């Protein structure tokens, strides 16, 4: 009854807003299931030197030396607010700049 009174008082454009505010004919939505994101961390010491050279152009020892020479902090926080270890951040940079890819 209240819905009809509010809808009659409002213009046709505002009737939908009035019904929404009163909660008339509102069905609960089903919650969408979010995908499970695995908790996999990047560990440079677990990678083989051949994979490091293929993906980053340098082997593991050189990547760790570069991280020290660049004086990167232990943890890097980029714009997306992720927390990365300095070797992981450097590997991301090296991967993005290793063009053409060595397949």
N, C-alpha and C. Protein backbone atom coordinates (compact mmCIF):
# COMPACT_ATOMS: atom_id res chain seq x y z
N UNK A 1 0.82 -1.19 0.00
CA UNK A 1 0.00 0.00 0.00
C UNK A 1 0.86 1.25 0.00
N UNK A 2 1.89 1.27 0.86
CA UNK A 2 2.78 2.43 0.90
C UNK A 2 3.50 2.61 -0.42
N UNK A 3 3.82 1.52 -1.06
CA UNK A 3 4.51 1.60 -2.34
C UNK A 3 3.65 2.28 -3.38
N UNK A 4 2.38 1.94 -3.40
CA UNK A 4 1.47 2.56 -4.37
C UNK A 4 1.30 4.03 -4.10
N UNK A 5 1.23 4.42 -2.83
CA UNK A 5 1.07 5.84 -2.50
C UNK A 5 2.31 6.62 -2.89
N UNK A 6 3.49 6.08 -2.60
CA UNK A 6 4.72 6.79 -2.95
C UNK A 6 4.88 6.85 -4.45
N UNK A 7 4.55 5.76 -5.13
CA UNK A 7 4.67 5.74 -6.59
C UNK A 7 3.70 6.72 -7.23
N UNK A 8 2.50 6.88 -6.67
CA UNK A 8 1.53 7.82 -7.22
C UNK A 8 1.97 9.25 -6.99
N UNK A 9 2.62 9.52 -5.87
CA UNK A 9 3.07 10.88 -5.57
C UNK A 9 4.30 11.27 -6.38
N UNK A 10 5.11 10.31 -6.70
CA UNK A 10 6.35 10.60 -7.43
C UNK A 10 6.08 10.62 -8.92
N UNK A 11 6.96 11.24 -9.63
CA UNK A 11 6.86 11.18 -11.09
C UNK A 11 7.23 9.78 -11.55
N UNK A 12 7.02 9.50 -12.80
CA UNK A 12 7.28 8.15 -13.31
C UNK A 12 8.77 7.81 -13.24
N UNK A 13 9.64 8.80 -13.33
CA UNK A 13 11.08 8.53 -13.27
C UNK A 13 11.51 8.18 -11.85
N UNK A 14 10.84 8.75 -10.84
CA UNK A 14 11.23 8.51 -9.45
C UNK A 14 10.52 7.32 -8.83
N UNK A 15 9.58 6.71 -9.52
CA UNK A 15 8.82 5.60 -8.94
C UNK A 15 9.73 4.41 -8.66
N UNK A 16 10.66 4.14 -9.54
CA UNK A 16 11.59 3.03 -9.31
C UNK A 16 12.47 3.26 -8.11
N UNK A 17 12.89 4.51 -7.92
CA UNK A 17 13.71 4.85 -6.77
C UNK A 17 12.91 4.71 -5.48
N UNK A 18 11.65 5.13 -5.51
CA UNK A 18 10.80 5.02 -4.32
C UNK A 18 10.57 3.57 -3.96
N UNK A 19 10.34 2.71 -4.95
CA UNK A 19 10.16 1.29 -4.67
C UNK A 19 11.43 0.68 -4.11
N UNK A 20 12.55 1.11 -4.62
CA UNK A 20 13.81 0.59 -4.13
C UNK A 20 14.05 0.99 -2.69
N UNK A 21 13.72 2.25 -2.37
CA UNK A 21 13.91 2.72 -1.00
C UNK A 21 12.99 2.02 -0.02
N UNK A 22 11.79 1.70 -0.43
CA UNK A 22 10.85 1.02 0.45
C UNK A 22 11.09 -0.48 0.51
N UNK A 23 11.89 -1.00 -0.39
CA UNK A 23 12.18 -2.42 -0.39
C UNK A 23 11.08 -3.27 -0.97
N UNK A 24 10.24 -2.71 -1.81
CA UNK A 24 9.13 -3.46 -2.40
C UNK A 24 9.65 -4.32 -3.53
N UNK A 25 9.20 -5.53 -3.56
CA UNK A 25 9.52 -6.47 -4.63
C UNK A 25 11.02 -6.63 -4.83
N UNK A 26 11.76 -6.61 -3.77
CA UNK A 26 13.20 -6.78 -3.87
C UNK A 26 13.54 -8.22 -3.52
N UNK A 27 14.13 -8.92 -4.46
CA UNK A 27 14.53 -10.30 -4.23
C UNK A 27 16.01 -10.32 -3.89
N UNK A 28 16.40 -11.11 -2.93
CA UNK A 28 17.84 -11.18 -2.61
C UNK A 28 18.61 -11.83 -3.76
N UNK A 29 19.75 -11.28 -4.06
CA UNK A 29 20.58 -11.81 -5.13
C UNK A 29 21.43 -12.96 -4.59
N UNK A 30 21.72 -13.88 -5.47
CA UNK A 30 22.62 -14.95 -5.10
C UNK A 30 24.04 -14.41 -5.11
N UNK A 31 24.81 -14.80 -4.13
CA UNK A 31 26.20 -14.35 -4.06
C UNK A 31 27.02 -15.13 -5.07
N UNK A 32 27.81 -14.41 -5.81
CA UNK A 32 28.69 -15.07 -6.77
C UNK A 32 29.88 -15.65 -6.02
N UNK A 33 30.24 -16.85 -6.39
CA UNK A 33 31.37 -17.49 -5.74
C UNK A 33 32.66 -16.92 -6.31
N UNK A 34 33.53 -16.47 -5.43
CA UNK A 34 34.80 -15.91 -5.86
C UNK A 34 35.79 -17.04 -6.14
N UNK A 35 36.66 -16.82 -7.12
CA UNK A 35 37.65 -17.87 -7.39
C UNK A 35 38.68 -17.94 -6.26
N UNK A 36 39.17 -19.13 -6.03
CA UNK A 36 40.17 -19.33 -4.99
C UNK A 36 41.53 -18.95 -5.57
N UNK A 37 42.22 -18.06 -4.89
CA UNK A 37 43.54 -17.63 -5.31
C UNK A 37 44.56 -18.42 -4.49
N UNK A 38 45.38 -19.21 -5.14
CA UNK A 38 46.33 -20.02 -4.37
C UNK A 38 47.40 -19.15 -3.73
N UNK A 39 47.87 -19.58 -2.58
CA UNK A 39 48.89 -18.83 -1.85
C UNK A 39 50.27 -19.32 -2.28
N UNK A 40 50.64 -18.98 -3.50
CA UNK A 40 51.94 -19.38 -4.04
C UNK A 40 52.85 -18.16 -4.03
N UNK A 41 53.98 -18.29 -3.39
CA UNK A 41 54.94 -17.20 -3.33
C UNK A 41 56.09 -17.48 -4.28
N UNK A 42 56.66 -16.43 -4.80
CA UNK A 42 57.81 -16.53 -5.69
C UNK A 42 59.06 -16.66 -4.82
N UNK A 43 59.82 -17.71 -5.04
CA UNK A 43 61.08 -17.92 -4.31
C UNK A 43 62.16 -18.13 -5.36
N UNK A 44 63.07 -17.18 -5.43
CA UNK A 44 64.11 -17.23 -6.45
C UNK A 44 65.04 -18.41 -6.25
N UNK A 45 65.31 -18.77 -5.02
CA UNK A 45 66.24 -19.87 -4.75
C UNK A 45 65.68 -21.23 -5.18
N UNK A 46 64.37 -21.33 -5.39
CA UNK A 46 63.77 -22.59 -5.86
C UNK A 46 63.85 -22.75 -7.37
N UNK A 47 64.20 -21.69 -8.08
CA UNK A 47 64.26 -21.75 -9.54
C UNK A 47 65.63 -22.24 -9.99
N UNK A 48 65.65 -22.97 -11.09
CA UNK A 48 66.91 -23.41 -11.68
C UNK A 48 67.54 -22.25 -12.44
N UNK A 49 68.87 -22.31 -12.58
CA UNK A 49 69.56 -21.24 -13.30
C UNK A 49 69.12 -21.15 -14.75
N UNK A 50 68.81 -22.30 -15.35
CA UNK A 50 68.36 -22.30 -16.75
C UNK A 50 67.04 -21.56 -16.89
N UNK A 51 66.13 -21.73 -15.93
CA UNK A 51 64.84 -21.02 -15.98
C UNK A 51 65.04 -19.53 -15.73
N UNK A 52 65.97 -19.17 -14.85
CA UNK A 52 66.24 -17.75 -14.59
C UNK A 52 66.81 -17.08 -15.84
N UNK A 53 67.73 -17.76 -16.50
CA UNK A 53 68.32 -17.19 -17.71
C UNK A 53 67.28 -17.06 -18.81
N UNK A 54 66.40 -18.05 -18.91
CA UNK A 54 65.35 -18.02 -19.94
C UNK A 54 64.34 -16.90 -19.68
N UNK A 55 63.97 -16.68 -18.42
CA UNK A 55 62.94 -15.69 -18.12
C UNK A 55 63.46 -14.30 -17.81
N UNK A 56 64.66 -14.22 -17.22
CA UNK A 56 65.14 -12.93 -16.72
C UNK A 56 66.48 -12.49 -17.31
N UNK A 57 67.09 -13.32 -18.18
CA UNK A 57 68.38 -13.08 -18.83
C UNK A 57 69.57 -13.31 -17.89
N UNK A 58 69.40 -13.23 -16.61
CA UNK A 58 70.48 -13.42 -15.64
C UNK A 58 70.23 -14.66 -14.80
N UNK A 59 71.31 -15.22 -14.23
CA UNK A 59 71.12 -16.35 -13.32
C UNK A 59 70.85 -15.85 -11.91
N UNK A 60 70.61 -16.79 -10.98
CA UNK A 60 70.17 -16.42 -9.63
C UNK A 60 71.18 -15.55 -8.89
N UNK A 61 72.45 -15.90 -8.96
CA UNK A 61 73.45 -15.14 -8.20
C UNK A 61 73.55 -13.71 -8.70
N UNK A 62 73.47 -13.52 -10.01
CA UNK A 62 73.56 -12.17 -10.57
C UNK A 62 72.33 -11.35 -10.19
N UNK A 63 71.16 -11.98 -10.16
CA UNK A 63 69.94 -11.26 -9.77
C UNK A 63 70.04 -10.79 -8.33
N UNK A 64 70.54 -11.65 -7.45
CA UNK A 64 70.70 -11.24 -6.04
C UNK A 64 71.75 -10.15 -5.90
N UNK A 65 72.83 -10.22 -6.69
CA UNK A 65 73.84 -9.16 -6.66
C UNK A 65 73.26 -7.84 -7.17
N UNK A 66 72.45 -7.91 -8.22
CA UNK A 66 71.82 -6.69 -8.73
C UNK A 66 70.89 -6.05 -7.70
N UNK A 67 70.16 -6.87 -6.97
CA UNK A 67 69.27 -6.34 -5.93
C UNK A 67 70.06 -5.61 -4.86
N UNK A 68 71.24 -6.12 -4.52
CA UNK A 68 72.08 -5.43 -3.54
C UNK A 68 72.69 -4.17 -4.12
N UNK A 69 73.17 -4.25 -5.36
CA UNK A 69 73.80 -3.09 -5.98
C UNK A 69 72.82 -1.95 -6.23
N UNK A 70 71.57 -2.28 -6.52
CA UNK A 70 70.54 -1.25 -6.69
C UNK A 70 70.08 -0.69 -5.36
N UNK A 71 70.52 -1.28 -4.27
CA UNK A 71 70.15 -0.86 -2.91
C UNK A 71 68.64 -0.84 -2.71
N UNK A 72 68.00 -1.90 -3.20
CA UNK A 72 66.56 -2.03 -3.01
C UNK A 72 66.26 -2.37 -1.56
N UNK A 73 65.17 -1.86 -1.02
CA UNK A 73 64.80 -2.25 0.35
C UNK A 73 64.40 -3.72 0.38
N UNK A 74 64.38 -4.31 1.56
CA UNK A 74 64.07 -5.74 1.70
C UNK A 74 62.69 -6.07 1.11
N UNK A 75 61.71 -5.20 1.35
CA UNK A 75 60.37 -5.39 0.79
C UNK A 75 59.97 -4.15 0.01
N UNK A 76 59.41 -4.37 -1.16
CA UNK A 76 58.98 -3.29 -2.05
C UNK A 76 57.46 -3.30 -2.09
N UNK A 77 56.83 -2.11 -1.93
CA UNK A 77 55.38 -2.00 -1.99
C UNK A 77 55.03 -1.15 -3.22
N UNK A 78 54.56 -1.78 -4.30
CA UNK A 78 54.21 -1.02 -5.51
C UNK A 78 52.87 -0.32 -5.37
N UNK A 79 52.41 0.27 -6.46
CA UNK A 79 51.18 1.08 -6.44
C UNK A 79 49.94 0.26 -6.09
N UNK A 80 49.92 -1.03 -6.41
CA UNK A 80 48.74 -1.86 -6.10
C UNK A 80 48.73 -2.33 -4.65
N UNK A 81 49.69 -1.92 -3.86
CA UNK A 81 49.76 -2.22 -2.43
C UNK A 81 50.09 -3.67 -2.13
N UNK A 82 50.73 -4.36 -3.07
CA UNK A 82 51.23 -5.69 -2.79
C UNK A 82 52.56 -5.55 -2.06
N UNK A 83 52.94 -6.56 -1.33
CA UNK A 83 54.21 -6.54 -0.63
C UNK A 83 55.11 -7.59 -1.28
N UNK A 84 56.17 -7.14 -1.93
CA UNK A 84 57.05 -8.03 -2.67
C UNK A 84 58.44 -8.01 -2.05
N UNK A 85 59.08 -9.17 -2.06
CA UNK A 85 60.49 -9.21 -1.68
C UNK A 85 61.29 -8.56 -2.79
N UNK A 86 62.45 -8.02 -2.46
CA UNK A 86 63.20 -7.26 -3.46
C UNK A 86 63.63 -8.13 -4.64
N UNK A 87 63.93 -9.40 -4.41
CA UNK A 87 64.30 -10.26 -5.53
C UNK A 87 63.10 -10.50 -6.45
N UNK A 88 61.91 -10.62 -5.87
CA UNK A 88 60.70 -10.80 -6.69
C UNK A 88 60.41 -9.55 -7.51
N UNK A 89 60.54 -8.38 -6.91
CA UNK A 89 60.30 -7.13 -7.63
C UNK A 89 61.31 -6.95 -8.77
N UNK A 90 62.56 -7.29 -8.50
CA UNK A 90 63.58 -7.18 -9.54
C UNK A 90 63.33 -8.19 -10.66
N UNK A 91 62.88 -9.39 -10.32
CA UNK A 91 62.57 -10.39 -11.35
C UNK A 91 61.39 -9.95 -12.22
N UNK A 92 60.42 -9.28 -11.63
CA UNK A 92 59.31 -8.75 -12.43
C UNK A 92 59.82 -7.72 -13.42
N UNK A 93 60.69 -6.83 -12.95
CA UNK A 93 61.28 -5.82 -13.84
C UNK A 93 62.11 -6.47 -14.94
N UNK A 94 62.93 -7.44 -14.57
CA UNK A 94 63.77 -8.11 -15.56
C UNK A 94 62.94 -8.89 -16.57
N UNK A 95 61.86 -9.51 -16.11
CA UNK A 95 61.00 -10.26 -17.03
C UNK A 95 60.33 -9.33 -18.03
N UNK A 96 59.89 -8.18 -17.56
CA UNK A 96 59.21 -7.24 -18.46
C UNK A 96 60.16 -6.61 -19.47
N UNK A 97 61.43 -6.52 -19.11
CA UNK A 97 62.39 -5.89 -20.02
C UNK A 97 63.19 -6.91 -20.83
N UNK A 98 62.91 -8.20 -20.68
CA UNK A 98 63.67 -9.23 -21.40
C UNK A 98 63.00 -9.55 -22.73
N UNK A 99 62.94 -8.58 -23.60
CA UNK A 99 62.33 -8.77 -24.91
C UNK A 99 63.44 -8.83 -25.94
N UNK A 100 63.48 -9.65 -26.88
CA UNK A 100 62.52 -10.71 -27.18
C UNK A 100 62.67 -11.89 -26.22
N UNK A 101 61.58 -12.56 -25.98
CA UNK A 101 61.57 -13.70 -25.07
C UNK A 101 62.42 -14.83 -25.64
N UNK A 102 63.09 -15.51 -24.75
CA UNK A 102 63.93 -16.65 -25.16
C UNK A 102 63.12 -17.92 -25.00
N UNK A 103 62.55 -18.40 -26.06
CA UNK A 103 61.72 -19.61 -26.00
C UNK A 103 62.49 -20.84 -26.34
